[in-house]
């Protein structure tokens, strides 16, 4: 193609490729040499606040209704394209400020009182996120920590594909140790056959061996609410993380307001 390439200069691989790109480029990122540079990033709850600096343009102060530095980078890329297309700054800012995120990307499903769940006072926030690659999971965790630093961070994670779990095994183990409490569902196979050593039990064992957290394996999705309730403290942020059928589980948790169901309630449902 003959168009301009808009590239994230923060990525070391992309930085290495830049000299070999045989067309015009616009770079973006937090790096000082980025053509569209993110500066003064601050996250307050679910909002990101930052300034975008562009060549020969006035600084653009942005409030974005999406948490995390990764979303600031996404906004910088969008602004780079919009600026190149000649869209005026007021229209760009209106679009950014009206953006409410996308489904299953740090998707806030509610905040629920815990007294009916486990008898404790306080609440738990419930967030659903599609990220299933270690880099994406890491970005989600960092966004949660930045916006709610005092929360007990609980993750319900469903690995997606045995091949991905095998190929990125150590990366998953490293990233998942960053939460306070980890519950893990079995691998969502997406049509793949099981691979020895690339299953959730093995991954839990590896994470446990690193001595930071003690993962809880959830063998049956029907047990999620029952196994989640005891680990909630009353000041929690629950991240339901993954790309398989875990999105349905997240919405089920929201519908029952995190409360484990009795057999009678399950039959009624």
Protein backbone atom coordinates (compact mmCIF):
# COMPACT_ATOMS: atom_id res chain seq x y z
CA UNK A 1 0.00 0.00 0.00
CA UNK A 2 1.08 3.62 -0.41
CA UNK A 3 -0.35 5.25 2.73
CA UNK A 4 1.36 6.59 5.81
CA UNK A 5 2.35 4.12 8.54
CA UNK A 6 1.34 5.13 12.09
CA UNK A 7 3.57 3.21 14.51
CA UNK A 8 4.14 2.99 18.27
CA UNK A 9 7.75 3.99 18.84
CA UNK A 10 7.65 2.73 22.44
CA UNK A 11 7.73 -0.84 21.14
CA UNK A 12 11.39 -1.92 20.75
CA UNK A 13 10.59 -4.18 17.78
CA UNK A 14 8.78 -1.39 15.94
CA UNK A 15 11.62 1.03 16.72
CA UNK A 16 14.00 -1.46 15.14
CA UNK A 17 11.78 -1.77 12.06
CA UNK A 18 11.28 1.97 11.51
CA UNK A 19 14.40 2.55 9.36
CA UNK A 20 13.23 -0.21 7.02
CA UNK A 21 9.74 1.18 6.43
CA UNK A 22 9.74 2.44 2.87
CA UNK A 23 7.04 5.09 3.24
CA UNK A 24 6.14 8.09 5.35
CA UNK A 25 5.64 7.38 9.03
CA UNK A 26 4.08 9.03 12.05
CA UNK A 27 5.19 7.70 15.41
CA UNK A 28 3.33 7.91 18.69
CA UNK A 29 4.06 6.94 22.27
CA UNK A 30 5.41 8.09 25.61
CA UNK A 31 8.94 8.31 24.14
CA UNK A 32 10.40 11.80 23.81
CA UNK A 33 11.08 11.36 20.09
CA UNK A 34 7.47 10.36 19.24
CA UNK A 35 5.73 12.57 16.67
CA UNK A 36 2.57 12.36 18.77
CA UNK A 37 3.75 12.17 22.37
CA UNK A 38 1.76 11.30 25.49
CA UNK A 39 2.81 13.48 28.41
CA UNK A 40 1.68 14.01 32.02
CA UNK A 41 -0.42 10.85 32.14
CA UNK A 42 -2.54 10.49 35.26
CA UNK A 43 -5.27 7.99 35.97
CA UNK A 44 -8.10 8.82 38.36
CA UNK A 45 -10.44 5.87 38.76
CA UNK A 46 -11.65 4.81 35.31
CA UNK A 47 -10.47 7.97 33.52
CA UNK A 48 -7.10 8.77 31.98
CA UNK A 49 -5.92 12.40 31.82
CA UNK A 50 -2.97 13.38 29.64
CA UNK A 51 -1.55 15.86 27.15
CA UNK A 52 -0.77 15.03 23.53
CA UNK A 53 2.11 16.92 21.95
CA UNK A 54 2.27 17.09 18.14
CA UNK A 55 4.63 18.77 15.73
CA UNK A 56 3.48 22.28 14.73
CA UNK A 57 0.24 21.90 16.71
CA UNK A 58 -1.08 23.21 19.99
CA UNK A 59 -0.89 20.75 22.91
CA UNK A 60 -4.10 18.76 23.28
CA UNK A 61 -5.36 18.05 26.81
CA UNK A 62 -7.37 14.83 26.80
CA UNK A 63 -9.75 13.18 29.27
CA UNK A 64 -10.42 9.60 28.20
CA UNK A 65 -13.13 7.37 29.66
CA UNK A 66 -10.89 4.32 29.47
CA UNK A 67 -8.26 3.48 32.09
CA UNK A 68 -4.64 2.54 31.52
CA UNK A 69 -1.60 3.82 29.69
CA UNK A 70 -2.36 1.40 26.84
CA UNK A 71 -5.59 3.28 26.15
CA UNK A 72 -3.72 6.58 26.12
CA UNK A 73 -1.53 5.03 23.41
CA UNK A 74 -4.63 3.95 21.49
CA UNK A 75 -5.92 7.53 21.69
CA UNK A 76 -2.58 8.88 20.50
CA UNK A 77 -2.73 6.60 17.46
CA UNK A 78 -6.27 7.75 16.68
CA UNK A 79 -5.24 11.41 17.02
CA UNK A 80 -2.26 10.83 14.73
CA UNK A 81 -4.54 9.46 12.01
CA UNK A 82 -7.20 12.14 12.53
CA UNK A 83 -4.60 14.92 12.39
CA UNK A 84 -3.13 13.49 9.20
CA UNK A 85 -6.64 13.47 7.69
CA UNK A 86 -7.12 17.14 8.53
CA UNK A 87 -9.80 16.74 11.19
CA UNK A 88 -9.87 19.79 13.47
CA UNK A 89 -8.87 19.51 17.12
CA UNK A 90 -12.31 20.36 18.51
CA UNK A 91 -13.88 17.46 16.64
CA UNK A 92 -11.09 15.12 17.76
CA UNK A 93 -11.56 16.13 21.40
CA UNK A 94 -15.33 15.72 21.23
CA UNK A 95 -14.89 12.22 19.85
CA UNK A 96 -12.37 11.24 22.52
CA UNK A 97 -14.40 12.67 25.38
CA UNK A 98 -17.59 10.93 24.23
CA UNK A 99 -15.88 7.55 23.80
CA UNK A 100 -17.25 5.11 26.39
CA UNK A 101 -15.00 2.17 25.66
CA UNK A 102 -15.88 -1.13 24.00
CA UNK A 103 -17.54 -4.28 25.24
CA UNK A 104 -15.36 -6.63 27.32
CA UNK A 105 -12.52 -4.10 27.59
CA UNK A 106 -12.36 -3.10 31.27
CA UNK A 107 -16.14 -3.37 31.16
CA UNK A 108 -17.58 -2.26 34.52
CA UNK A 109 -20.48 -4.58 35.43
CA UNK A 110 -21.36 -3.19 38.84
CA UNK A 111 -20.39 -2.77 42.48
CA UNK A 112 -22.09 -5.15 44.88
CA UNK A 113 -22.50 -5.24 48.68
CA UNK A 114 -20.82 -8.25 50.26
CA UNK A 115 -23.10 -8.78 53.24
CA UNK A 116 -25.43 -11.09 51.21
CA UNK A 117 -22.39 -12.78 49.61
CA UNK A 118 -20.20 -13.71 52.58
CA UNK A 119 -21.49 -11.70 55.54
CA UNK A 120 -18.77 -9.05 55.34
CA UNK A 121 -19.32 -5.32 55.17
CA UNK A 122 -18.13 -3.33 52.16
CA UNK A 123 -18.42 -3.93 48.44
CA UNK A 124 -16.74 -5.56 45.46
CA UNK A 125 -16.43 -4.03 42.01
CA UNK A 126 -16.83 -6.39 39.05
CA UNK A 127 -14.96 -5.78 35.78
CA UNK A 128 -14.99 -7.96 32.65
CA UNK A 129 -12.01 -7.86 30.28
CA UNK A 130 -11.31 -9.78 27.07
CA UNK A 131 -7.51 -9.58 27.29
CA UNK A 132 -6.01 -13.07 27.06
CA UNK A 133 -2.38 -12.47 25.99
CA UNK A 134 0.14 -11.78 28.79
CA UNK A 135 0.77 -8.25 27.51
CA UNK A 136 -2.96 -7.49 27.56
CA UNK A 137 -3.45 -9.04 30.99
CA UNK A 138 -0.51 -7.01 32.31
CA UNK A 139 -2.02 -3.79 30.92
CA UNK A 140 -5.37 -4.55 32.58
CA UNK A 141 -3.72 -5.24 35.94
CA UNK A 142 -1.69 -2.02 35.73
CA UNK A 143 -4.85 -0.04 34.90
CA UNK A 144 -6.63 -1.55 37.90
CA UNK A 145 -3.70 -0.82 40.23
CA UNK A 146 -3.38 2.76 38.97
CA UNK A 147 -7.06 3.63 39.27
CA UNK A 148 -7.86 1.77 42.49
CA UNK A 149 -4.55 1.37 44.35
CA UNK A 150 -6.18 0.52 47.69
CA UNK A 151 -8.37 -2.29 46.35
CA UNK A 152 -7.81 -5.98 46.95
CA UNK A 153 -7.26 -7.14 43.37
CA UNK A 154 -8.92 -10.49 42.65
CA UNK A 155 -8.64 -12.08 39.21
CA UNK A 156 -10.72 -14.88 37.74
CA UNK A 157 -8.67 -16.00 34.73
CA UNK A 158 -9.47 -18.43 31.95
CA UNK A 159 -6.49 -19.36 29.77
CA UNK A 160 -7.40 -19.44 26.07
CA UNK A 161 -6.02 -22.29 23.92
CA UNK A 162 -3.52 -24.92 25.01
CA UNK A 163 -1.00 -23.79 22.37
CA UNK A 164 -1.01 -20.20 23.66
CA UNK A 165 -0.67 -21.41 27.24
CA UNK A 166 2.29 -23.60 26.24
CA UNK A 167 4.04 -20.99 24.11
CA UNK A 168 3.65 -18.14 26.64
CA UNK A 169 3.71 -20.22 29.80
CA UNK A 170 6.41 -18.30 31.68
CA UNK A 171 4.96 -14.95 30.62
CA UNK A 172 1.56 -15.95 32.01
CA UNK A 173 3.15 -17.15 35.25
CA UNK A 174 5.00 -13.85 35.67
CA UNK A 175 2.02 -11.61 34.91
CA UNK A 176 -0.55 -13.48 36.97
CA UNK A 177 1.54 -13.22 40.16
CA UNK A 178 0.81 -9.47 40.20
CA UNK A 179 -2.74 -9.82 41.56
CA UNK A 180 -3.58 -10.32 45.23
CA UNK A 181 -5.79 -13.37 44.70
CA UNK A 182 -6.01 -15.58 41.60
CA UNK A 183 -8.77 -18.02 40.71
CA UNK A 184 -8.22 -19.97 37.50
CA UNK A 185 -10.67 -21.84 35.31
CA UNK A 186 -9.64 -24.72 33.08
CA UNK A 187 -8.14 -23.79 29.70
CA UNK A 188 -10.74 -22.84 27.10
CA UNK A 189 -9.65 -25.17 24.28
CA UNK A 190 -11.17 -23.38 21.26
CA UNK A 191 -11.17 -26.73 19.47
CA UNK A 192 -7.63 -27.74 20.46
CA UNK A 193 -6.60 -31.03 22.03
CA UNK A 194 -5.06 -30.85 25.52
CA UNK A 195 -1.29 -30.47 25.74
CA UNK A 196 0.48 -32.05 28.75
CA UNK A 197 1.93 -29.37 31.02
CA UNK A 198 -0.03 -26.56 29.35
CA UNK A 199 -3.12 -26.92 31.50
CA UNK A 200 -4.48 -24.74 34.30
CA UNK A 201 -3.44 -27.10 37.09
CA UNK A 202 0.19 -26.98 35.90
CA UNK A 203 0.08 -23.19 35.58
CA UNK A 204 -1.35 -22.85 39.09
CA UNK A 205 1.40 -25.12 40.41
CA UNK A 206 4.10 -23.03 38.74
CA UNK A 207 2.68 -19.76 40.07
CA UNK A 208 2.36 -21.23 43.56
CA UNK A 209 5.98 -22.31 43.42
CA UNK A 210 7.10 -18.71 42.94
CA UNK A 211 5.90 -17.96 46.45
CA UNK A 212 3.91 -14.78 45.88
CA UNK A 213 0.30 -15.99 45.72
CA UNK A 214 -1.55 -19.27 46.14
CA UNK A 215 -3.78 -19.73 43.06
CA UNK A 216 -7.16 -21.43 43.39
CA UNK A 217 -8.12 -23.84 40.59
CA UNK A 218 -11.84 -23.73 39.77
CA UNK A 219 -12.58 -27.07 38.05
CA UNK A 220 -16.21 -26.27 37.23
CA UNK A 221 -17.56 -22.87 36.09
CA UNK A 222 -20.68 -23.56 38.16
CA UNK A 223 -18.48 -23.28 41.27
CA UNK A 224 -17.16 -19.78 40.55
CA UNK A 225 -19.46 -17.81 42.86
CA UNK A 226 -19.05 -20.37 45.65
CA UNK A 227 -15.23 -20.29 45.43
CA UNK A 228 -15.03 -16.53 44.90
CA UNK A 229 -17.10 -15.49 47.93
CA UNK A 230 -14.65 -16.55 50.69
CA UNK A 231 -11.71 -14.57 49.25
CA UNK A 232 -13.56 -11.24 49.05
CA UNK A 233 -12.65 -8.75 51.78
CA UNK A 234 -15.13 -5.88 51.35
CA UNK A 235 -12.74 -3.64 49.42
CA UNK A 236 -12.29 -5.63 46.24
CA UNK A 237 -11.89 -5.18 42.51
CA UNK A 238 -12.67 -8.41 40.67
CA UNK A 239 -11.19 -8.77 37.18
CA UNK A 240 -12.87 -11.48 35.12
CA UNK A 241 -10.23 -12.03 32.46
CA UNK A 242 -10.10 -14.05 29.25
CA UNK A 243 -11.41 -14.69 25.75
CA UNK A 244 -13.39 -17.92 26.02
CA UNK A 245 -16.82 -18.30 27.56
CA UNK A 246 -15.72 -16.39 30.64
CA UNK A 247 -17.60 -13.29 29.48
CA UNK A 248 -20.85 -15.18 30.09
CA UNK A 249 -19.60 -16.13 33.54
CA UNK A 250 -18.90 -12.46 34.30
CA UNK A 251 -22.44 -11.50 33.38
CA UNK A 252 -23.83 -14.37 35.39
CA UNK A 253 -21.91 -13.11 38.43
CA UNK A 254 -23.38 -9.65 37.87
CA UNK A 255 -26.90 -11.07 37.59
CA UNK A 256 -26.64 -12.90 40.91
CA UNK A 257 -24.71 -9.98 42.47
CA UNK A 258 -21.83 -12.36 43.32
CA UNK A 259 -24.02 -14.36 45.72
CA UNK A 260 -23.54 -18.15 45.63
CA UNK A 261 -26.80 -19.82 44.68
CA UNK A 262 -28.59 -22.47 46.73
CA UNK A 263 -29.85 -25.58 44.88
CA UNK A 264 -33.37 -24.18 45.13
CA UNK A 265 -32.31 -20.88 43.57
CA UNK A 266 -30.45 -22.70 40.78
CA UNK A 267 -33.54 -24.78 39.99
CA UNK A 268 -35.65 -21.62 39.93
CA UNK A 269 -33.23 -20.01 37.48
